[in-house]
Amino acid sequence: MNSSSRAAGSGQDRSAGEANVRDTPVIPVERLAMTFVPQPWRFAVERRAEIDAYFAELRREKPALWNGRVLMLHRVSLAGGVLEGDFLETDYASLLAWRAWDFPDRTIKVCFPLSAIRSADGAFLLGLMAAHTANGGQLYFPTGTPDPDDVRGEVVDFDGSLLRELAEETGLGPADVAAEPGWQAVDAGPRLALIKLLQSRQGADALRARILGHLASEQTPELADIVIVRGPADCDPRMPSFVTAFLHHWWS
């Protein structure tokens, strides 16, 4: 992934206290049925000039940001363990402006897959987002906002998007981790995080060293560091609320 263009447009919910994080719903999902159903995004159309000005200001602070194309969720339902959703296409600048301006269109969600990498000794590994990315300084599971390259016919391929982001951010592939069946959906208001548990055969320290070696080989890595999380005491305010909610749910 070009991290400057498609880093998951979710950001930290700075207003969420610990009690709110623990109350954030974490819902098991057996299967995804995600479809590309394009339509105009009224917010992006009507506020185009403001969005462009906002993004130009962001690029003065972070020149590596690129206004690529992303997919946003405009319909979602869950029944019988199947999460169905319809996505439209927009530009990354509109996503960032929508996020920065407190999500003025609540009919839209940003929905993205995350790789919860779990080591053989039971720890989770999170990446510290590099300063040049839109979410610099935050601690994430490997992730990225789906884009038009993830569309296969009419289907939005979340499994493929997940594995691509995992490889690009960590150097890990399907031979290095075993994907657990299903997903955990974390409903954080305008953000819908879909988390897949990926089990590694390596211990946390060895796995961290391996990923750091991958980052060192990259010219502009998306991640600045890898952080090992072993229990509730390791939760960090740099984690977005949906990450913390998933971890508390796992440990409860």
C-alpha atoms as a PDB file:
ATOM      1  CA  MET A   1       0.000   0.000   0.000  1.00  0.00           C
ATOM      2  CA  ASN A   2       1.051   3.559  -0.574  1.00  0.00           C
ATOM      3  CA  SER A   3       0.697   4.415   3.086  1.00  0.00           C
ATOM      4  CA  SER A   4       0.313   8.100   2.450  1.00  0.00           C
ATOM      5  CA  SER A   5      -2.800   7.557   0.377  1.00  0.00           C
ATOM      6  CA  ARG A   6      -4.763   4.740   1.958  1.00  0.00           C
ATOM      7  CA  ALA A   7      -3.885   4.390   5.625  1.00  0.00           C
ATOM      8  CA  ALA A   8      -7.107   3.433   7.364  1.00  0.00           C
ATOM      9  CA  GLY A   9      -9.057   6.654   7.703  1.00  0.00           C
ATOM     10  CA  SER A  10     -10.196   5.975  11.192  1.00  0.00           C
ATOM     11  CA  GLY A  11      -8.088   7.972  13.578  1.00  0.00           C
ATOM     12  CA  GLN A  12      -8.190   8.054  17.346  1.00  0.00           C
ATOM     13  CA  ASP A  13     -11.430   8.772  19.147  1.00  0.00           C
ATOM     14  CA  ARG A  14      -9.892  11.134  21.682  1.00  0.00           C
ATOM     15  CA  SER A  15     -13.230  11.569  23.471  1.00  0.00           C
ATOM     16  CA  ALA A  16     -13.667   7.881  24.296  1.00  0.00           C
ATOM     17  CA  GLY A  17     -12.921   7.153  27.941  1.00  0.00           C
ATOM     18  CA  GLU A  18     -12.054   3.733  29.290  1.00  0.00           C
ATOM     19  CA  ALA A  19     -15.683   2.963  30.151  1.00  0.00           C
ATOM     20  CA  ASN A  20     -16.823   3.891  26.655  1.00  0.00           C
ATOM     21  CA  VAL A  21     -14.100   1.741  25.094  1.00  0.00           C
ATOM     22  CA  ARG A  22     -15.199  -1.247  27.143  1.00  0.00           C
ATOM     23  CA  ASP A  23     -18.795  -0.635  26.023  1.00  0.00           C
ATOM     24  CA  THR A  24     -17.888  -0.499  22.323  1.00  0.00           C
ATOM     25  CA  PRO A  25     -19.626  -3.473  20.664  1.00  0.00           C
ATOM     26  CA  VAL A  26     -17.355  -6.271  19.415  1.00  0.00           C
ATOM     27  CA  ILE A  27     -19.495  -8.565  17.272  1.00  0.00           C
ATOM     28  CA  PRO A  28     -18.457 -11.966  15.878  1.00  0.00           C
ATOM     29  CA  VAL A  29     -19.062 -12.260  12.133  1.00  0.00           C
ATOM     30  CA  GLU A  30     -18.938 -15.558  10.260  1.00  0.00           C
ATOM     31  CA  ARG A  31     -18.756 -14.158   6.736  1.00  0.00           C
ATOM     32  CA  LEU A  32     -18.520 -10.878   4.832  1.00  0.00           C
ATOM     33  CA  ALA A  33     -20.618 -10.020   1.773  1.00  0.00           C
ATOM     34  CA  MET A  34     -19.226  -6.677   0.623  1.00  0.00           C
ATOM     35  CA  THR A  35     -20.363  -5.195  -2.686  1.00  0.00           C
ATOM     36  CA  PHE A  36     -19.300  -2.229  -4.802  1.00  0.00           C
ATOM     37  CA  VAL A  37     -22.464  -0.215  -5.445  1.00  0.00           C
ATOM     38  CA  PRO A  38     -21.204   3.172  -6.675  1.00  0.00           C
ATOM     39  CA  GLN A  39     -23.094   6.375  -6.091  1.00  0.00           C
ATOM     40  CA  PRO A  40     -22.112  10.020  -5.574  1.00  0.00           C
ATOM     41  CA  TRP A  41     -21.163  11.046  -2.035  1.00  0.00           C
ATOM     42  CA  ARG A  42     -23.098  14.232  -1.421  1.00  0.00           C
ATOM     43  CA  PHE A  43     -20.644  15.511   1.191  1.00  0.00           C
ATOM     44  CA  ALA A  44     -17.701  15.178  -1.214  1.00  0.00           C
ATOM     45  CA  VAL A  45     -19.594  16.904  -4.014  1.00  0.00           C
ATOM     46  CA  GLU A  46     -21.118  19.778  -2.073  1.00  0.00           C
ATOM     47  CA  ARG A  47     -18.006  20.662  -0.052  1.00  0.00           C
ATOM     48  CA  ARG A  48     -15.442  20.063  -2.792  1.00  0.00           C
ATOM     49  CA  ALA A  49     -13.720  23.452  -2.546  1.00  0.00           C
ATOM     50  CA  GLU A  50     -13.399  23.232   1.263  1.00  0.00           C
ATOM     51  CA  ILE A  51     -12.097  19.679   1.045  1.00  0.00           C
ATOM     52  CA  ASP A  52      -9.461  20.601  -1.537  1.00  0.00           C
ATOM     53  CA  ALA A  53      -8.295  23.545   0.576  1.00  0.00           C
ATOM     54  CA  TYR A  54      -8.116  21.360   3.681  1.00  0.00           C
ATOM     55  CA  PHE A  55      -6.091  18.692   1.903  1.00  0.00           C
ATOM     56  CA  ALA A  56      -3.695  21.270   0.462  1.00  0.00           C
ATOM     57  CA  GLU A  57      -3.005  22.460   4.006  1.00  0.00           C
ATOM     58  CA  LEU A  58      -2.431  18.882   5.165  1.00  0.00           C
ATOM     59  CA  ARG A  59       0.072  18.337   2.360  1.00  0.00           C
ATOM     60  CA  ARG A  60       2.058  21.350   3.487  1.00  0.00           C
ATOM     61  CA  GLU A  61       2.502  19.550   6.817  1.00  0.00           C
ATOM     62  CA  LYS A  62       2.905  16.049   5.335  1.00  0.00           C
ATOM     63  CA  PRO A  63       4.060  16.277   1.703  1.00  0.00           C
ATOM     64  CA  ALA A  64       3.976  12.490   1.230  1.00  0.00           C
ATOM     65  CA  LEU A  65       0.172  12.401   1.463  1.00  0.00           C
ATOM     66  CA  TRP A  66      -1.404  11.389  -1.827  1.00  0.00           C
ATOM     67  CA  ASN A  67      -5.044  11.849  -2.745  1.00  0.00           C
ATOM     68  CA  GLY A  68      -5.807   8.349  -3.974  1.00  0.00           C
ATOM     69  CA  ARG A  69      -9.165   6.634  -4.368  1.00  0.00           C
ATOM     70  CA  VAL A  70     -10.829   4.790  -1.480  1.00  0.00           C
ATOM     71  CA  LEU A  71     -14.067   2.923  -0.769  1.00  0.00           C
ATOM     72  CA  MET A  72     -16.589   4.056   1.851  1.00  0.00           C
ATOM     73  CA  LEU A  73     -19.521   2.122   3.282  1.00  0.00           C
ATOM     74  CA  HIS A  74     -22.991   3.529   2.548  1.00  0.00           C
ATOM     75  CA  ARG A  75     -25.173   0.575   3.578  1.00  0.00           C
ATOM     76  CA  VAL A  76     -24.568  -2.152   6.146  1.00  0.00           C
ATOM     77  CA  SER A  77     -26.592  -4.940   7.766  1.00  0.00           C
ATOM     78  CA  LEU A  78     -25.867  -7.999   9.893  1.00  0.00           C
ATOM     79  CA  ALA A  79     -28.059 -11.105   9.929  1.00  0.00           C
ATOM     80  CA  GLY A  80     -27.343 -14.776  10.506  1.00  0.00           C
ATOM     81  CA  GLY A  81     -23.652 -14.115  11.084  1.00  0.00           C
ATOM     82  CA  VAL A  82     -23.249 -12.479   7.656  1.00  0.00           C
ATOM     83  CA  LEU A  83     -22.197  -8.825   7.474  1.00  0.00           C
ATOM     84  CA  GLU A  84     -23.392  -7.240   4.237  1.00  0.00           C
ATOM     85  CA  GLY A  85     -22.283  -3.851   2.994  1.00  0.00           C
ATOM     86  CA  ASP A  86     -22.383  -1.602  -0.051  1.00  0.00           C
ATOM     87  CA  PHE A  87     -19.449   0.670  -0.911  1.00  0.00           C
ATOM     88  CA  LEU A  88     -19.041   3.817  -2.956  1.00  0.00           C
ATOM     89  CA  GLU A  89     -15.817   5.276  -4.328  1.00  0.00           C
ATOM     90  CA  THR A  90     -14.426   8.647  -3.283  1.00  0.00           C
ATOM     91  CA  ASP A  91     -11.094  10.382  -2.800  1.00  0.00           C
ATOM     92  CA  TYR A  92      -8.876  10.183   0.267  1.00  0.00           C
ATOM     93  CA  ALA A  93      -9.048  13.958   0.783  1.00  0.00           C
ATOM     94  CA  SER A  94     -12.815  13.723   1.308  1.00  0.00           C
ATOM     95  CA  LEU A  95     -12.382  10.904   3.819  1.00  0.00           C
ATOM     96  CA  LEU A  96      -9.809  12.901   5.805  1.00  0.00           C
ATOM     97  CA  ALA A  97     -11.919  16.064   5.784  1.00  0.00           C
ATOM     98  CA  TRP A  98     -15.031  14.116   6.862  1.00  0.00           C
ATOM     99  CA  ARG A  99     -13.028  12.645   9.739  1.00  0.00           C
ATOM    100  CA  ALA A 100     -11.453  15.949  10.778  1.00  0.00           C
ATOM    101  CA  TRP A 101     -14.812  17.763  10.708  1.00  0.00           C
ATOM    102  CA  ASP A 102     -16.429  15.296  13.136  1.00  0.00           C
ATOM    103  CA  PHE A 103     -18.143  13.086  10.543  1.00  0.00           C
ATOM    104  CA  PRO A 104     -20.826  15.506   9.293  1.00  0.00           C
ATOM    105  CA  ASP A 105     -22.477  12.805   7.136  1.00  0.00           C
ATOM    106  CA  ARG A 106     -23.483  10.010   9.511  1.00  0.00           C
ATOM    107  CA  THR A 107     -25.005   7.910   6.719  1.00  0.00           C
ATOM    108  CA  ILE A 108     -21.457   6.906   5.723  1.00  0.00           C
ATOM    109  CA  LYS A 109     -18.917   4.759   7.540  1.00  0.00           C
ATOM    110  CA  VAL A 110     -15.254   4.055   6.966  1.00  0.00           C
ATOM    111  CA  CYS A 111     -14.907   0.259   7.042  1.00  0.00           C
ATOM    112  CA  PHE A 112     -11.527  -1.449   6.922  1.00  0.00           C
ATOM    113  CA  PRO A 113      -9.836  -4.815   7.675  1.00  0.00           C
ATOM    114  CA  LEU A 114      -7.165  -5.167  10.365  1.00  0.00           C
ATOM    115  CA  SER A 115      -4.693  -8.008  11.025  1.00  0.00           C
ATOM    116  CA  ALA A 116      -4.582  -8.901  14.727  1.00  0.00           C
ATOM    117  CA  ILE A 117      -1.195 -10.655  14.704  1.00  0.00           C
ATOM    118  CA  ARG A 118      -0.914 -12.979  17.701  1.00  0.00           C
ATOM    119  CA  SER A 119       2.417 -14.553  18.562  1.00  0.00           C
ATOM    120  CA  ALA A 120       2.989 -18.142  19.672  1.00  0.00           C
ATOM    121  CA  ASP A 121       3.385 -16.930  23.265  1.00  0.00           C
ATOM    122  CA  GLY A 122       0.041 -15.121  23.256  1.00  0.00           C
ATOM    123  CA  ALA A 123       1.030 -11.492  22.655  1.00  0.00           C
ATOM    124  CA  PHE A 124      -0.342  -9.128  20.026  1.00  0.00           C
ATOM    125  CA  LEU A 125       1.886  -7.021  17.783  1.00  0.00           C
ATOM    126  CA  LEU A 126       0.886  -3.499  16.783  1.00  0.00           C
ATOM    127  CA  GLY A 127       2.568  -1.043  14.470  1.00  0.00           C
ATOM    128  CA  LEU A 128       3.434   2.547  15.355  1.00  0.00           C
ATOM    129  CA  MET A 129       2.348   4.648  12.384  1.00  0.00           C
ATOM    130  CA  ALA A 130       5.188   6.689  10.872  1.00  0.00           C
ATOM    131  CA  ALA A 131       5.059  10.468  11.129  1.00  0.00           C
ATOM    132  CA  HIS A 132       4.589  10.973   7.377  1.00  0.00           C
ATOM    133  CA  THR A 133       1.245   9.093   7.379  1.00  0.00           C
ATOM    134  CA  ALA A 134      -2.164  10.580   8.115  1.00  0.00           C
ATOM    135  CA  ASN A 135      -2.340   8.609  11.385  1.00  0.00           C
ATOM    136  CA  GLY A 136       1.256   9.230  12.462  1.00  0.00           C
ATOM    137  CA  GLY A 137       2.011   8.395  16.101  1.00  0.00           C
ATOM    138  CA  GLN A 138      -0.908   6.002  16.593  1.00  0.00           C
ATOM    139  CA  LEU A 139      -0.702   2.275  17.353  1.00  0.00           C
ATOM    140  CA  TYR A 140      -2.589   0.086  14.892  1.00  0.00           C
ATOM    141  CA  PHE A 141      -2.945  -3.467  13.781  1.00  0.00           C
ATOM    142  CA  PRO A 142      -1.771  -3.607  10.127  1.00  0.00           C
ATOM    143  CA  THR A 143      -4.573  -2.090   8.083  1.00  0.00           C
ATOM    144  CA  GLY A 144      -5.618   0.009   5.133  1.00  0.00           C
ATOM    145  CA  THR A 145      -8.779   1.518   3.705  1.00  0.00           C
ATOM    146  CA  PRO A 146     -10.122  -0.614   0.818  1.00  0.00           C
ATOM    147  CA  ASP A 147      -9.719   0.912  -2.621  1.00  0.00           C
ATOM    148  CA  PRO A 148     -10.855   0.167  -6.195  1.00  0.00           C
ATOM    149  CA  ASP A 149      -8.053  -2.407  -6.610  1.00  0.00           C
ATOM    150  CA  ASP A 150      -9.929  -4.547  -4.075  1.00  0.00           C
ATOM    151  CA  VAL A 151     -13.035  -4.804  -6.272  1.00  0.00           C
ATOM    152  CA  ARG A 152     -13.481  -8.144  -8.064  1.00  0.00           C
ATOM    153  CA  GLY A 153     -16.458  -7.763 -10.347  1.00  0.00           C
ATOM    154  CA  GLU A 154     -18.973  -6.358  -7.866  1.00  0.00           C
ATOM    155  CA  VAL A 155     -17.345  -7.881  -4.760  1.00  0.00           C
ATOM    156  CA  VAL A 156     -15.090  -5.935  -2.394  1.00  0.00           C
ATOM    157  CA  ASP A 157     -12.393  -8.458  -1.446  1.00  0.00           C
ATOM    158  CA  PHE A 158     -11.636  -7.828   2.235  1.00  0.00           C
ATOM    159  CA  ASP A 159      -9.511 -10.973   2.601  1.00  0.00           C
ATOM    160  CA  GLY A 160      -7.304  -9.923  -0.289  1.00  0.00           C
ATOM    161  CA  SER A 161      -7.052  -6.366   1.029  1.00  0.00           C
ATOM    162  CA  LEU A 162      -6.078  -7.669   4.470  1.00  0.00           C
ATOM    163  CA  LEU A 163      -3.283  -9.889   3.141  1.00  0.00           C
ATOM    164  CA  ARG A 164      -1.930  -7.190   0.827  1.00  0.00           C
ATOM    165  CA  GLU A 165      -1.690  -4.685   3.653  1.00  0.00           C
ATOM    166  CA  LEU A 166      -0.114  -7.292   5.943  1.00  0.00           C
ATOM    167  CA  ALA A 167       2.611  -8.035   3.392  1.00  0.00           C
ATOM    168  CA  GLU A 168       3.313  -4.403   2.593  1.00  0.00           C
ATOM    169  CA  GLU A 169       3.461  -3.242   6.195  1.00  0.00           C
ATOM    170  CA  THR A 170       5.143  -6.231   7.880  1.00  0.00           C
ATOM    171  CA  GLY A 171       6.590  -8.512   5.191  1.00  0.00           C
ATOM    172  CA  LEU A 172       4.459 -11.396   6.497  1.00  0.00           C
ATOM    173  CA  GLY A 173       2.401 -13.587   4.178  1.00  0.00           C
ATOM    174  CA  PRO A 174      -0.077 -16.479   4.316  1.00  0.00           C
ATOM    175  CA  ALA A 175       2.748 -18.956   4.975  1.00  0.00           C
ATOM    176  CA  ASP A 176       3.725 -17.045   8.140  1.00  0.00           C
ATOM    177  CA  VAL A 177       0.349 -16.814   9.869  1.00  0.00           C
ATOM    178  CA  ALA A 178      -2.777 -18.941  10.182  1.00  0.00           C
ATOM    179  CA  ALA A 179      -5.975 -16.964   9.678  1.00  0.00           C
ATOM    180  CA  GLU A 180      -8.742 -17.835  12.139  1.00  0.00           C
ATOM    181  CA  PRO A 181     -12.199 -18.235  10.582  1.00  0.00           C
ATOM    182  CA  GLY A 182     -14.545 -15.285  10.718  1.00  0.00           C
ATOM    183  CA  TRP A 183     -14.033 -11.694  11.814  1.00  0.00           C
ATOM    184  CA  GLN A 184     -14.597  -9.499  14.837  1.00  0.00           C
ATOM    185  CA  ALA A 185     -16.568  -6.373  13.911  1.00  0.00           C
ATOM    186  CA  VAL A 186     -15.927  -3.403  16.196  1.00  0.00           C
ATOM    187  CA  ASP A 187     -18.700  -0.857  15.812  1.00  0.00           C
ATOM    188  CA  ALA A 188     -17.187   2.514  16.722  1.00  0.00           C
ATOM    189  CA  GLY A 189     -19.833   4.848  15.306  1.00  0.00           C
ATOM    190  CA  PRO A 190     -18.641   6.189  11.945  1.00  0.00           C
ATOM    191  CA  ARG A 191     -15.837   3.611  11.987  1.00  0.00           C
ATOM    192  CA  LEU A 192     -16.468  -0.088  11.421  1.00  0.00           C
ATOM    193  CA  ALA A 193     -13.291  -2.055  12.065  1.00  0.00           C
ATOM    194  CA  LEU A 194     -13.228  -5.666  10.828  1.00  0.00           C
ATOM    195  CA  ILE A 195     -10.523  -7.555  12.685  1.00  0.00           C
ATOM    196  CA  LYS A 196      -9.110 -10.916  11.601  1.00  0.00           C
ATOM    197  CA  LEU A 197      -7.050 -12.958  14.088  1.00  0.00           C
ATOM    198  CA  LEU A 198      -3.786 -14.158  12.506  1.00  0.00           C
ATOM    199  CA  GLN A 199      -1.857 -16.704  14.555  1.00  0.00           C
ATOM    200  CA  SER A 200       1.931 -16.887  14.177  1.00  0.00           C
ATOM    201  CA  ARG A 201       4.177 -19.820  15.057  1.00  0.00           C
ATOM    202  CA  GLN A 202       6.917 -17.446  16.245  1.00  0.00           C
ATOM    203  CA  GLY A 203       7.276 -15.866  19.662  1.00  0.00           C
ATOM    204  CA  ALA A 204       6.634 -12.154  20.044  1.00  0.00           C
ATOM    205  CA  ASP A 205      10.265 -11.047  20.298  1.00  0.00           C
ATOM    206  CA  ALA A 206      11.365 -13.046  17.251  1.00  0.00           C
ATOM    207  CA  LEU A 207       8.344 -11.882  15.284  1.00  0.00           C
ATOM    208  CA  ARG A 208       9.011  -8.252  16.186  1.00  0.00           C
ATOM    209  CA  ALA A 209      12.645  -8.591  15.094  1.00  0.00           C
ATOM    210  CA  ARG A 210      11.555 -10.090  11.796  1.00  0.00           C
ATOM    211  CA  ILE A 211       9.101  -7.275  11.055  1.00  0.00           C
ATOM    212  CA  LEU A 212      11.651  -4.639  12.060  1.00  0.00           C
ATOM    213  CA  GLY A 213      14.035  -6.190   9.536  1.00  0.00           C
ATOM    214  CA  HIS A 214      11.378  -5.740   6.861  1.00  0.00           C
ATOM    215  CA  LEU A 215      10.852  -2.112   7.863  1.00  0.00           C
ATOM    216  CA  ALA A 216      14.590  -1.458   7.693  1.00  0.00           C
ATOM    217  CA  SER A 217      14.609  -2.672   4.081  1.00  0.00           C
ATOM    218  CA  GLU A 218      11.870  -0.230   3.045  1.00  0.00           C
ATOM    219  CA  GLN A 219      12.727   3.208   1.698  1.00  0.00           C
ATOM    220  CA  THR A 220       9.672   4.849   3.294  1.00  0.00           C
ATOM    221  CA  PRO A 221       8.093   2.347   5.690  1.00  0.00           C
ATOM    222  CA  GLU A 222       4.568   2.982   6.836  1.00  0.00           C
ATOM    223  CA  LEU A 223       5.411   1.806  10.353  1.00  0.00           C
ATOM    224  CA  ALA A 224       8.066   3.376  12.578  1.00  0.00           C
ATOM    225  CA  ASP A 225       8.161   0.609  15.194  1.00  0.00           C
ATOM    226  CA  ILE A 226       6.488  -2.599  16.381  1.00  0.00           C
ATOM    227  CA  VAL A 227       4.999  -2.716  19.885  1.00  0.00           C
ATOM    228  CA  ILE A 228       4.301  -5.945  21.780  1.00  0.00           C
ATOM    229  CA  VAL A 229       1.100  -6.012  23.851  1.00  0.00           C
ATOM    230  CA  ARG A 230       0.690  -8.822  26.364  1.00  0.00           C
ATOM    231  CA  GLY A 231      -2.167  -7.689  28.588  1.00  0.00           C
ATOM    232  CA  PRO A 232      -4.405  -4.830  29.725  1.00  0.00           C
ATOM    233  CA  ALA A 233      -1.505  -3.033  31.402  1.00  0.00           C
ATOM    234  CA  ASP A 234       0.067  -2.590  27.948  1.00  0.00           C
ATOM    235  CA  CYS A 235      -2.891  -0.659  26.519  1.00  0.00           C
ATOM    236  CA  ASP A 236      -1.764   2.733  25.330  1.00  0.00           C
ATOM    237  CA  PRO A 237      -3.628   6.009  24.665  1.00  0.00           C
ATOM    238  CA  ARG A 238      -2.071   5.991  21.194  1.00  0.00           C
ATOM    239  CA  MET A 239      -4.333   3.052  20.295  1.00  0.00           C
ATOM    240  CA  PRO A 240      -7.589   3.935  18.501  1.00  0.00           C
ATOM    241  CA  SER A 241     -10.680   3.071  20.508  1.00  0.00           C
ATOM    242  CA  PHE A 242     -11.578   0.136  18.250  1.00  0.00           C
ATOM    243  CA  VAL A 243      -8.172  -1.494  18.849  1.00  0.00           C
ATOM    244  CA  THR A 244      -8.469  -1.094  22.614  1.00  0.00           C
ATOM    245  CA  ALA A 245     -12.050  -2.387  22.517  1.00  0.00           C
ATOM    246  CA  PHE A 246     -10.954  -5.522  20.654  1.00  0.00           C
ATOM    247  CA  LEU A 247      -8.093  -6.172  23.078  1.00  0.00           C
ATOM    248  CA  HIS A 248     -10.284  -5.778  26.169  1.00  0.00           C
ATOM    249  CA  HIS A 249     -12.857  -8.075  24.567  1.00  0.00           C
ATOM    250  CA  TRP A 250     -10.167 -10.671  23.866  1.00  0.00           C
ATOM    251  CA  TRP A 251      -8.795 -10.572  27.411  1.00  0.00           C
ATOM    252  CA  SER A 252     -12.180 -10.526  29.143  1.00  0.00           C
END
